Structure formats: C-alpha cells, structure tokens
Amino acid sequence: MLMQKILEKIPSGDPLNDIEMKKTIDRILDENKHLDGATMVVLNSLQEAIGFISPAMQVYVAEKLGEPISRIHGV
C-alpha cells in the first residue's frame, strides 16, 4: 500500500513523468525482467540511461519485477 501511494504522488521532475524516459524505463524492464539477476541488470541499465534512480523509480521497478522494495534498496 505504501508503494502504491508513492506511485500516486510522483514528483513532477521524476523520469516516470516524462513520456520518453518512461518508455526507456519500460523498455529496459521488458528486455531484462526474465534474466537471472534482473534486478542488478535493470538498475545498472537505468542508471546508465537515465543518470539516476529516483525513489519512485525504485518502487516502480520493484513492482514490475515482483521484488520487495527492500531488495531494490539493497542493490
């Protein structure tokens, strides 16, 4: 429930609110979600493509990968 609240209140400057950046985020997730170690691959790819990983992006990635947010923070 907390994760959903974060995604409902994404700050205006967050990459998830930019259409092109959101497409990039979704492409990276789609291309890598099936891999072993997908969490690390996805986070590294997002860091390279976007430049940073916002708190909202962390929640979004956790939901898309079916991982707890603690695992995303841990990486």
Protein backbone atom coordinates (compact mmCIF):
# COMPACT_ATOMS: atom_id res chain seq x y z
CA MET A 1 0.00 0.00 0.00
CA LEU A 2 2.85 2.42 0.77
CA MET A 3 4.41 1.63 -2.60
CA GLN A 4 1.15 2.47 -4.36
CA LYS A 5 0.93 5.79 -2.52
CA ILE A 6 4.44 6.68 -3.69
CA LEU A 7 3.49 5.93 -7.29
CA GLU A 8 0.35 8.06 -6.95
CA LYS A 9 2.41 11.10 -5.88
CA ILE A 10 5.37 11.07 -8.27
CA PRO A 11 7.18 14.42 -8.21
CA SER A 12 6.86 16.48 -11.38
CA GLY A 13 10.56 16.24 -12.27
CA ASP A 14 10.72 12.48 -11.91
CA PRO A 15 11.65 10.43 -15.01
CA LEU A 16 8.43 8.43 -14.63
CA ASN A 17 6.52 11.62 -15.52
CA ASP A 18 8.48 12.13 -18.75
CA ILE A 19 6.94 10.14 -21.61
CA GLU A 20 10.23 9.36 -23.37
CA MET A 21 12.05 8.44 -20.16
CA LYS A 22 9.13 6.24 -19.08
CA LYS A 23 9.37 4.43 -22.43
CA THR A 24 13.08 3.89 -21.79
CA ILE A 25 12.39 2.59 -18.29
CA ASP A 26 9.71 0.20 -19.55
CA ARG A 27 11.92 -0.99 -22.42
CA ILE A 28 14.77 -1.77 -20.03
CA LEU A 29 12.41 -3.64 -17.73
CA ASP A 30 10.83 -5.61 -20.58
CA GLU A 31 14.19 -6.55 -22.09
CA ASN A 32 15.70 -7.76 -18.83
CA LYS A 33 12.98 -8.94 -16.45
CA HIS A 34 13.39 -12.57 -17.47
CA LEU A 35 17.13 -12.70 -16.74
CA ASP A 36 18.73 -14.23 -13.68
CA GLY A 37 19.93 -11.27 -11.63
CA ALA A 38 17.46 -8.99 -13.42
CA THR A 39 17.40 -6.55 -10.51
CA MET A 40 21.07 -5.65 -10.86
CA VAL A 41 20.93 -5.57 -14.66
CA VAL A 42 17.84 -3.35 -14.68
CA LEU A 43 19.18 -0.93 -12.08
CA ASN A 44 22.55 -0.63 -13.82
CA SER A 45 20.86 -0.06 -17.18
CA LEU A 46 18.53 2.56 -15.72
CA GLN A 47 21.43 4.34 -14.06
CA GLU A 48 23.27 4.42 -17.38
CA ALA A 49 20.25 5.52 -19.44
CA ILE A 50 18.60 8.00 -17.04
CA GLY A 51 21.52 9.05 -14.85
CA PHE A 52 19.90 8.27 -11.51
CA ILE A 53 17.21 6.12 -9.93
CA SER A 54 14.58 8.12 -8.09
CA PRO A 55 12.62 6.75 -5.12
CA ALA A 56 9.53 6.46 -7.34
CA MET A 57 11.56 4.57 -9.96
CA GLN A 58 12.73 2.18 -7.25
CA VAL A 59 9.14 1.44 -6.31
CA TYR A 60 8.14 1.08 -9.97
CA VAL A 61 11.00 -1.36 -10.64
CA ALA A 62 10.13 -3.38 -7.52
CA GLU A 63 6.53 -3.73 -8.66
CA LYS A 64 7.44 -4.61 -12.24
CA LEU A 65 9.98 -7.22 -11.17
CA GLY A 66 7.80 -8.59 -8.37
CA GLU A 67 10.52 -7.88 -5.84
CA PRO A 68 10.20 -6.30 -2.40
CA ILE A 69 11.36 -2.70 -2.28
CA SER A 70 13.97 -3.71 0.30
CA ARG A 71 15.71 -5.81 -2.36
CA ILE A 72 15.83 -2.84 -4.72
CA HIS A 73 17.25 -0.62 -1.97
CA GLY A 74 19.74 -3.33 -1.09
CA VAL A 75 21.20 -3.38 -4.58
